[in-house]
C-alpha atoms as a PDB file:
ATOM      1  CA  MET A   1      -8.389  13.498   3.902  1.00  0.00           C
ATOM      2  CA  VAL A   2      -9.986  10.101   4.532  1.00  0.00           C
ATOM      3  CA  ALA A   3      -8.458   8.306   7.501  1.00  0.00           C
ATOM      4  CA  ARG A   4      -6.716   5.054   6.721  1.00  0.00           C
ATOM      5  CA  PHE A   5      -7.007   2.272   9.248  1.00  0.00           C
ATOM      6  CA  PRO A   6      -3.942   0.080   9.771  1.00  0.00           C
ATOM      7  CA  PRO A   7      -4.375  -3.640   9.106  1.00  0.00           C
ATOM      8  CA  PRO A   8      -4.636  -5.961  12.137  1.00  0.00           C
ATOM      9  CA  ILE A   9      -1.300  -7.684  11.521  1.00  0.00           C
ATOM     10  CA  VAL A  10      -0.610 -10.884  13.457  1.00  0.00           C
ATOM     11  CA  PRO A  11       2.636 -12.914  13.591  1.00  0.00           C
ATOM     12  CA  PRO A  12       2.653 -15.882  11.214  1.00  0.00           C
ATOM     13  CA  ASP A  13       2.489 -18.353  14.114  1.00  0.00           C
ATOM     14  CA  ALA A  14      -0.731 -16.665  15.279  1.00  0.00           C
ATOM     15  CA  ALA A  15      -2.468 -16.647  11.898  1.00  0.00           C
ATOM     16  CA  ILE A  16      -4.192 -19.999  12.375  1.00  0.00           C
ATOM     17  CA  GLU A  17      -5.625 -19.094  15.767  1.00  0.00           C
ATOM     18  CA  ARG A  18      -6.810 -15.741  14.438  1.00  0.00           C
ATOM     19  CA  MET A  19      -8.565 -17.450  11.528  1.00  0.00           C
ATOM     20  CA  ARG A  20     -10.195 -19.954  13.869  1.00  0.00           C
ATOM     21  CA  ALA A  21     -11.445 -17.113  16.052  1.00  0.00           C
ATOM     22  CA  GLN A  22     -12.547 -14.588  13.417  1.00  0.00           C
ATOM     23  CA  GLY A  23     -12.418 -16.237  10.010  1.00  0.00           C
ATOM     24  CA  TYR A  24      -9.562 -14.108   8.688  1.00  0.00           C
ATOM     25  CA  ALA A  25      -6.048 -12.953   9.456  1.00  0.00           C
ATOM     26  CA  VAL A  26      -3.563 -10.437   8.078  1.00  0.00           C
ATOM     27  CA  VAL A  27       0.166 -11.125   7.967  1.00  0.00           C
ATOM     28  CA  SER A  28       2.996  -8.778   7.074  1.00  0.00           C
ATOM     29  CA  ALA A  29       5.342  -9.290   4.135  1.00  0.00           C
ATOM     30  CA  GLU A  30       7.843 -10.807   6.541  1.00  0.00           C
ATOM     31  CA  GLY A  31       5.101 -13.058   7.893  1.00  0.00           C
ATOM     32  CA  LEU A  32       4.140 -14.209   4.404  1.00  0.00           C
ATOM     33  CA  ALA A  33       7.789 -14.923   3.591  1.00  0.00           C
ATOM     34  CA  THR A  34       7.996 -17.012   6.770  1.00  0.00           C
ATOM     35  CA  LEU A  35       4.845 -18.966   5.929  1.00  0.00           C
ATOM     36  CA  ALA A  36       6.109 -19.588   2.387  1.00  0.00           C
ATOM     37  CA  GLY A  37       9.701 -20.310   3.387  1.00  0.00           C
ATOM     38  CA  VAL A  38      11.159 -17.761   0.968  1.00  0.00           C
ATOM     39  CA  ALA A  39      13.266 -14.630   1.205  1.00  0.00           C
ATOM     40  CA  SER A  40      11.352 -11.359   0.926  1.00  0.00           C
ATOM     41  CA  SER A  41      13.604 -10.366  -1.972  1.00  0.00           C
ATOM     42  CA  GLU A  42      12.318 -13.366  -3.970  1.00  0.00           C
ATOM     43  CA  LEU A  43       8.757 -12.101  -3.619  1.00  0.00           C
ATOM     44  CA  VAL A  44       9.739  -8.567  -4.623  1.00  0.00           C
ATOM     45  CA  ALA A  45      11.376  -9.926  -7.786  1.00  0.00           C
ATOM     46  CA  LEU A  46       8.038 -11.403  -8.904  1.00  0.00           C
ATOM     47  CA  ALA A  47       6.394  -7.973  -8.945  1.00  0.00           C
ATOM     48  CA  LEU A  48       7.896  -6.983 -12.319  1.00  0.00           C
ATOM     49  CA  SER A  49       5.586  -9.439 -14.074  1.00  0.00           C
ATOM     50  CA  TRP A  50       2.559  -7.322 -13.128  1.00  0.00           C
ATOM     51  CA  ASP A  51       3.681  -4.898 -15.858  1.00  0.00           C
ATOM     52  CA  ASP A  52       2.792  -7.590 -18.413  1.00  0.00           C
ATOM     53  CA  LEU A  53      -0.857  -8.382 -17.710  1.00  0.00           C
ATOM     54  CA  ALA A  54      -3.570  -8.590 -20.367  1.00  0.00           C
ATOM     55  CA  PRO A  55      -6.789  -6.522 -20.384  1.00  0.00           C
ATOM     56  CA  ASP A  56      -9.839  -8.054 -18.723  1.00  0.00           C
ATOM     57  CA  THR A  57     -12.384  -7.991 -21.551  1.00  0.00           C
ATOM     58  CA  TYR A  58     -15.245  -9.435 -19.500  1.00  0.00           C
ATOM     59  CA  LEU A  59     -16.144  -6.481 -17.255  1.00  0.00           C
ATOM     60  CA  ARG A  60     -19.908  -6.059 -17.382  1.00  0.00           C
ATOM     61  CA  ASP A  61     -19.816  -2.534 -15.958  1.00  0.00           C
ATOM     62  CA  GLY A  62     -18.182  -1.319 -19.161  1.00  0.00           C
ATOM     63  CA  GLY A  63     -14.911  -0.500 -17.406  1.00  0.00           C
ATOM     64  CA  ARG A  64     -11.400  -0.848 -18.819  1.00  0.00           C
ATOM     65  CA  TYR A  65      -9.589  -0.544 -15.509  1.00  0.00           C
ATOM     66  CA  ARG A  66      -8.602  -4.178 -14.889  1.00  0.00           C
ATOM     67  CA  ARG A  67      -5.780  -6.279 -16.283  1.00  0.00           C
ATOM     68  CA  ARG A  68      -5.182  -9.869 -15.196  1.00  0.00           C
ATOM     69  CA  ARG A  69      -3.705 -13.310 -15.782  1.00  0.00           C
ATOM     70  CA  HIS A  70      -4.916 -16.639 -14.415  1.00  0.00           C
ATOM     71  CA  ALA A  71      -3.536 -20.124 -13.750  1.00  0.00           C
ATOM     72  CA  CYS A  72      -4.616 -23.292 -11.951  1.00  0.00           C
ATOM     73  CA  PHE A  73      -2.705 -25.767  -9.810  1.00  0.00           C
ATOM     74  CA  VAL A  74      -3.250 -28.819  -7.644  1.00  0.00           C
ATOM     75  CA  VAL A  75      -1.469 -28.629  -4.291  1.00  0.00           C
ATOM     76  CA  ASP A  76      -0.953 -32.046  -2.717  1.00  0.00           C
ATOM     77  CA  GLY A  77       1.207 -31.630   0.377  1.00  0.00           C
ATOM     78  CA  VAL A  78       4.586 -30.423  -0.819  1.00  0.00           C
ATOM     79  CA  ASP A  79       3.741 -31.216  -4.446  1.00  0.00           C
ATOM     80  CA  VAL A  80       2.446 -28.341  -6.577  1.00  0.00           C
ATOM     81  CA  ALA A  81       1.385 -29.405 -10.066  1.00  0.00           C
ATOM     82  CA  PRO A  82       0.094 -27.108 -12.812  1.00  0.00           C
ATOM     83  CA  ALA A  83      -3.371 -27.901 -14.115  1.00  0.00           C
ATOM     84  CA  PRO A  84      -4.365 -27.421 -17.774  1.00  0.00           C
ATOM     85  CA  HIS A  85      -5.372 -23.866 -18.573  1.00  0.00           C
ATOM     86  CA  ARG A  86      -9.102 -23.452 -18.090  1.00  0.00           C
ATOM     87  CA  ALA A  87     -11.821 -20.843 -17.962  1.00  0.00           C
ATOM     88  CA  HIS A  88     -12.487 -19.123 -14.657  1.00  0.00           C
ATOM     89  CA  TRP A  89     -16.081 -19.780 -13.627  1.00  0.00           C
ATOM     90  CA  GLN A  90     -18.204 -18.741 -10.639  1.00  0.00           C
ATOM     91  CA  PRO A  91     -21.897 -19.309  -9.951  1.00  0.00           C
ATOM     92  CA  VAL A  92     -24.163 -16.275  -9.829  1.00  0.00           C
ATOM     93  CA  GLU A  93     -24.798 -17.010  -6.146  1.00  0.00           C
ATOM     94  CA  TYR A  94     -21.251 -15.850  -5.417  1.00  0.00           C
ATOM     95  CA  ASN A  95     -20.704 -13.306  -8.180  1.00  0.00           C
ATOM     96  CA  ALA A  96     -23.909 -11.602  -9.274  1.00  0.00           C
ATOM     97  CA  LEU A  97     -22.056  -9.440 -11.822  1.00  0.00           C
ATOM     98  CA  HIS A  98     -19.878 -12.003 -13.591  1.00  0.00           C
ATOM     99  CA  GLY A  99     -21.233 -15.332 -12.383  1.00  0.00           C
ATOM    100  CA  GLY A 100     -22.232 -17.956 -14.930  1.00  0.00           C
ATOM    101  CA  MET A 101     -19.634 -16.795 -17.452  1.00  0.00           C
ATOM    102  CA  HIS A 102     -16.741 -18.929 -18.671  1.00  0.00           C
ATOM    103  CA  ARG A 103     -14.006 -16.297 -18.627  1.00  0.00           C
ATOM    104  CA  TRP A 104     -10.873 -17.267 -20.533  1.00  0.00           C
ATOM    105  CA  PHE A 105      -8.096 -15.042 -19.209  1.00  0.00           C
ATOM    106  CA  GLU A 106      -4.553 -15.034 -20.503  1.00  0.00           C
ATOM    107  CA  PRO A 107      -2.441 -17.552 -18.565  1.00  0.00           C
ATOM    108  CA  ILE A 108       0.136 -16.512 -16.011  1.00  0.00           C
ATOM    109  CA  ARG A 109       3.488 -16.480 -17.757  1.00  0.00           C
ATOM    110  CA  HIS A 110       5.423 -19.743 -17.553  1.00  0.00           C
ATOM    111  CA  ASP A 111       8.451 -18.097 -15.905  1.00  0.00           C
ATOM    112  CA  VAL A 112       6.197 -16.728 -13.153  1.00  0.00           C
ATOM    113  CA  ALA A 113       4.069 -19.858 -12.649  1.00  0.00           C
ATOM    114  CA  THR A 114       7.204 -21.972 -12.291  1.00  0.00           C
ATOM    115  CA  ALA A 115       9.252 -19.524 -10.210  1.00  0.00           C
ATOM    116  CA  PRO A 116      10.378 -21.183  -6.939  1.00  0.00           C
ATOM    117  CA  ALA A 117       9.063 -18.289  -4.829  1.00  0.00           C
ATOM    118  CA  PHE A 118       5.643 -18.421  -6.525  1.00  0.00           C
ATOM    119  CA  LEU A 119       5.364 -22.164  -5.964  1.00  0.00           C
ATOM    120  CA  GLN A 120       6.515 -21.801  -2.372  1.00  0.00           C
ATOM    121  CA  VAL A 121       3.708 -19.318  -1.716  1.00  0.00           C
ATOM    122  CA  LEU A 122       1.153 -21.817  -3.048  1.00  0.00           C
ATOM    123  CA  ARG A 123       2.737 -24.610  -1.000  1.00  0.00           C
ATOM    124  CA  GLY A 124       3.039 -22.582   2.215  1.00  0.00           C
ATOM    125  CA  LEU A 125      -0.534 -21.297   2.107  1.00  0.00           C
ATOM    126  CA  GLY A 126      -1.774 -24.812   1.379  1.00  0.00           C
ATOM    127  CA  ALA A 127       0.044 -26.101   4.465  1.00  0.00           C
ATOM    128  CA  LEU A 128      -1.516 -23.384   6.620  1.00  0.00           C
ATOM    129  CA  PHE A 129      -5.020 -24.077   5.325  1.00  0.00           C
ATOM    130  CA  ASP A 130      -4.451 -27.805   5.872  1.00  0.00           C
ATOM    131  CA  GLU A 131      -4.098 -27.084   9.581  1.00  0.00           C
ATOM    132  CA  LEU A 132      -7.511 -25.436   9.585  1.00  0.00           C
ATOM    133  CA  ARG A 133      -9.319 -27.921   7.354  1.00  0.00           C
ATOM    134  CA  PRO A 134      -7.203 -30.942   6.368  1.00  0.00           C
ATOM    135  CA  GLN A 135      -7.644 -32.086   2.764  1.00  0.00           C
ATOM    136  CA  PRO A 136      -5.853 -34.651   0.594  1.00  0.00           C
ATOM    137  CA  ARG A 137      -5.285 -31.934  -2.012  1.00  0.00           C
ATOM    138  CA  TRP A 138      -6.278 -28.378  -2.845  1.00  0.00           C
ATOM    139  CA  TYR A 139      -7.557 -27.119  -6.197  1.00  0.00           C
ATOM    140  CA  VAL A 140      -5.965 -23.723  -6.522  1.00  0.00           C
ATOM    141  CA  GLU A 141      -6.652 -20.782  -8.813  1.00  0.00           C
ATOM    142  CA  ALA A 142      -4.170 -17.906  -8.931  1.00  0.00           C
ATOM    143  CA  HIS A 143      -5.051 -14.480 -10.337  1.00  0.00           C
ATOM    144  CA  GLN A 144      -2.673 -11.623 -11.051  1.00  0.00           C
ATOM    145  CA  PHE A 145      -4.625  -8.341 -10.985  1.00  0.00           C
ATOM    146  CA  ARG A 146      -3.764  -4.770 -11.858  1.00  0.00           C
ATOM    147  CA  ILE A 147      -6.477  -2.176 -11.202  1.00  0.00           C
ATOM    148  CA  ASP A 148      -5.597   1.165 -12.791  1.00  0.00           C
ATOM    149  CA  THR A 149      -7.028   4.676 -12.661  1.00  0.00           C
ATOM    150  CA  ALA A 150      -6.501   5.689 -16.296  1.00  0.00           C
ATOM    151  CA  GLY A 151     -10.243   6.314 -16.539  1.00  0.00           C
ATOM    152  CA  GLY A 152     -10.312   8.177 -13.226  1.00  0.00           C
ATOM    153  CA  LEU A 153     -11.620   5.320 -11.099  1.00  0.00           C
ATOM    154  CA  GLY A 154     -10.692   1.676 -10.683  1.00  0.00           C
ATOM    155  CA  ARG A 155     -12.785  -0.986  -8.943  1.00  0.00           C
ATOM    156  CA  PRO A 156     -10.908  -3.885  -7.317  1.00  0.00           C
ATOM    157  CA  THR A 157     -14.200  -5.675  -6.593  1.00  0.00           C
ATOM    158  CA  PRO A 158     -16.853  -4.458  -9.032  1.00  0.00           C
ATOM    159  CA  GLU A 159     -19.151  -7.263  -7.821  1.00  0.00           C
ATOM    160  CA  GLY A 160     -19.238  -5.674  -4.339  1.00  0.00           C
ATOM    161  CA  ALA A 161     -18.942  -7.516  -1.035  1.00  0.00           C
ATOM    162  CA  HIS A 162     -18.814 -11.203  -1.841  1.00  0.00           C
ATOM    163  CA  ARG A 163     -17.626 -14.721  -1.173  1.00  0.00           C
ATOM    164  CA  ASP A 164     -15.726 -16.646  -3.833  1.00  0.00           C
ATOM    165  CA  GLY A 165     -17.367 -20.058  -3.451  1.00  0.00           C
ATOM    166  CA  VAL A 166     -14.169 -21.779  -2.308  1.00  0.00           C
ATOM    167  CA  ASP A 167     -12.708 -22.853   1.044  1.00  0.00           C
ATOM    168  CA  PHE A 168      -9.981 -20.253   1.523  1.00  0.00           C
ATOM    169  CA  VAL A 169      -8.825 -17.066  -0.177  1.00  0.00           C
ATOM    170  CA  ALA A 170      -5.501 -15.247   0.093  1.00  0.00           C
ATOM    171  CA  VAL A 171      -5.262 -11.647  -1.125  1.00  0.00           C
ATOM    172  CA  LEU A 172      -1.613 -10.607  -1.440  1.00  0.00           C
ATOM    173  CA  LEU A 173      -0.928  -6.904  -1.985  1.00  0.00           C
ATOM    174  CA  VAL A 174       1.872  -6.642  -4.541  1.00  0.00           C
ATOM    175  CA  GLY A 175       1.957  -2.846  -4.616  1.00  0.00           C
ATOM    176  CA  ARG A 176       0.129   0.492  -4.562  1.00  0.00           C
ATOM    177  CA  HIS A 177       1.331   3.286  -6.839  1.00  0.00           C
ATOM    178  CA  GLY A 178      -0.056   6.831  -6.930  1.00  0.00           C
ATOM    179  CA  ILE A 179      -3.522   6.041  -5.612  1.00  0.00           C
ATOM    180  CA  LYS A 180      -5.919   6.696  -2.775  1.00  0.00           C
ATOM    181  CA  GLY A 181      -8.710   4.400  -1.667  1.00  0.00           C
ATOM    182  CA  GLY A 182      -8.547   0.645  -1.988  1.00  0.00           C
ATOM    183  CA  GLU A 183      -9.702   0.033   1.563  1.00  0.00           C
ATOM    184  CA  THR A 184     -10.278  -3.613   2.464  1.00  0.00           C
ATOM    185  CA  ARG A 185     -13.495  -4.532   4.257  1.00  0.00           C
ATOM    186  CA  VAL A 186     -14.216  -7.912   5.833  1.00  0.00           C
ATOM    187  CA  PHE A 187     -17.577  -8.855   7.353  1.00  0.00           C
ATOM    188  CA  GLN A 188     -19.047 -11.902   9.052  1.00  0.00           C
ATOM    189  CA  ALA A 189     -21.110 -13.856   6.532  1.00  0.00           C
ATOM    190  CA  ASP A 190     -23.837 -14.502   9.110  1.00  0.00           C
ATOM    191  CA  GLY A 191     -23.522 -11.583  11.512  1.00  0.00           C
ATOM    192  CA  PRO A 192     -23.021  -7.835  11.888  1.00  0.00           C
ATOM    193  CA  ALA A 193     -19.333  -7.718  12.843  1.00  0.00           C
ATOM    194  CA  GLY A 194     -16.802  -6.319  10.398  1.00  0.00           C
ATOM    195  CA  GLU A 195     -13.468  -4.590  10.079  1.00  0.00           C
ATOM    196  CA  ARG A 196     -11.947  -2.108   7.651  1.00  0.00           C
ATOM    197  CA  PHE A 197      -8.301  -1.394   6.943  1.00  0.00           C
ATOM    198  CA  THR A 198      -5.910  -0.537   4.133  1.00  0.00           C
ATOM    199  CA  LEU A 199      -3.203  -2.931   3.004  1.00  0.00           C
ATOM    200  CA  GLU A 200      -0.164  -0.837   2.098  1.00  0.00           C
ATOM    201  CA  GLU A 201       2.940  -2.954   2.630  1.00  0.00           C
ATOM    202  CA  PRO A 202       3.944  -4.844  -0.534  1.00  0.00           C
ATOM    203  CA  TRP A 203       3.476  -8.597  -0.052  1.00  0.00           C
ATOM    204  CA  SER A 204       1.385  -8.285   3.081  1.00  0.00           C
ATOM    205  CA  ALA A 205      -1.542 -10.692   2.857  1.00  0.00           C
ATOM    206  CA  LEU A 206      -5.158 -11.085   3.908  1.00  0.00           C
ATOM    207  CA  LEU A 207      -6.139 -14.716   4.571  1.00  0.00           C
ATOM    208  CA  LEU A 208      -9.858 -15.547   4.512  1.00  0.00           C
ATOM    209  CA  ASP A 209     -12.047 -18.495   5.433  1.00  0.00           C
ATOM    210  CA  ASP A 210     -14.508 -18.067   2.566  1.00  0.00           C
ATOM    211  CA  SER A 211     -17.259 -19.987   4.352  1.00  0.00           C
ATOM    212  CA  ARG A 212     -17.294 -17.528   7.256  1.00  0.00           C
ATOM    213  CA  VAL A 213     -16.632 -14.047   5.880  1.00  0.00           C
ATOM    214  CA  ILE A 214     -17.386 -11.832   2.925  1.00  0.00           C
ATOM    215  CA  HIS A 215     -14.947  -9.241   1.631  1.00  0.00           C
ATOM    216  CA  GLU A 216     -14.517  -6.307  -0.725  1.00  0.00           C
ATOM    217  CA  SER A 217     -12.083  -3.520  -1.601  1.00  0.00           C
ATOM    218  CA  THR A 218     -13.281   0.031  -2.207  1.00  0.00           C
ATOM    219  CA  PRO A 219     -12.567   1.867  -5.500  1.00  0.00           C
ATOM    220  CA  ILE A 220      -9.228   3.565  -6.101  1.00  0.00           C
ATOM    221  CA  GLN A 221      -8.564   7.038  -7.499  1.00  0.00           C
ATOM    222  CA  PRO A 222      -5.339   8.627  -8.740  1.00  0.00           C
ATOM    223  CA  VAL A 223      -3.404  10.951  -6.461  1.00  0.00           C
ATOM    224  CA  ASP A 224      -1.569  12.715  -9.303  1.00  0.00           C
ATOM    225  CA  GLY A 225      -1.785  11.286 -12.804  1.00  0.00           C
ATOM    226  CA  ASP A 226      -2.400   7.594 -13.375  1.00  0.00           C
ATOM    227  CA  GLY A 227      -1.997   5.086 -10.568  1.00  0.00           C
ATOM    228  CA  HIS A 228      -2.618   1.408  -9.984  1.00  0.00           C
ATOM    229  CA  ARG A 229      -2.999  -1.334  -7.377  1.00  0.00           C
ATOM    230  CA  ASP A 230      -1.516  -4.791  -7.939  1.00  0.00           C
ATOM    231  CA  THR A 231      -2.620  -7.949  -6.140  1.00  0.00           C
ATOM    232  CA  LEU A 232      -2.202 -11.697  -6.317  1.00  0.00           C
ATOM    233  CA  VAL A 233      -5.399 -13.496  -5.322  1.00  0.00           C
ATOM    234  CA  VAL A 234      -5.139 -17.222  -4.670  1.00  0.00           C
ATOM    235  CA  THR A 235      -8.154 -19.432  -3.909  1.00  0.00           C
ATOM    236  CA  TYR A 236      -8.118 -22.925  -2.389  1.00  0.00           C
ATOM    237  CA  ARG A 237     -10.991 -25.358  -2.854  1.00  0.00           C
ATOM    238  CA  ALA A 238     -11.426 -28.974  -1.760  1.00  0.00           C
ATOM    239  CA  GLY A 239     -12.694 -31.671  -4.090  1.00  0.00           C
ATOM    240  CA  ALA A 240     -12.545 -29.953  -7.475  1.00  0.00           C
ATOM    241  CA  PHE A 241     -12.256 -26.661  -9.276  1.00  0.00           C
ATOM    242  CA  LEU A 242     -15.415 -24.568  -9.337  1.00  0.00           C
ATOM    243  CA  GLY A 243     -17.640 -25.826 -12.120  1.00  0.00           C
ATOM    244  CA  ASP A 244     -16.276 -29.374 -12.087  1.00  0.00           C
ATOM    245  CA  ASP A 245     -18.513 -30.842  -9.381  1.00  0.00           C
END
């Protein structure tokens, strides 16, 4: 059996200092709820919508293991405004596998994108990132992911260890069901230091300074029958959405 390393959880009031020191931090579900100003039960209620994601038809490795939805927002202090639905785009410098493609994913359902708890997460993370790098507003992309093992193997990050080309990234684990693997790995972008751990608690979160670290998650395999791993990935960028500047 492969050993699983516990995540380096820090209290929510220590997340900023941890990110300043190492470029990333991990908070528990309770810590995320505190940062967002919501009850944990409100976050759990959002998880049902992961059963209604659309297939990702853009995978260049030929896989059929990923389902997702996508939406964009502008976070300006306490104001969170939806942005018109748009293609997700990354340069090849940040995503060698899928960079340069305009990928039109199905939008996040209206009831999810307007749910108070969902908006509070976007608002709370924006406030935290403002303390690290103050900005007049953040251009935010939110991605619901389900990686399944119906084909025997699922790849959370088929592009490998990478940066996203934004300022900050939050990877929220929504749930793990009947799988092994899915280890998170974070490395210094300009040095040898790194850390590996497995997020297992639903709604625990990895917070990343995208300019300082690269990250990846290892493939998942089923334990008995089909399994899957659900995440919400939220990126924050200053100035404009990727592809608009």
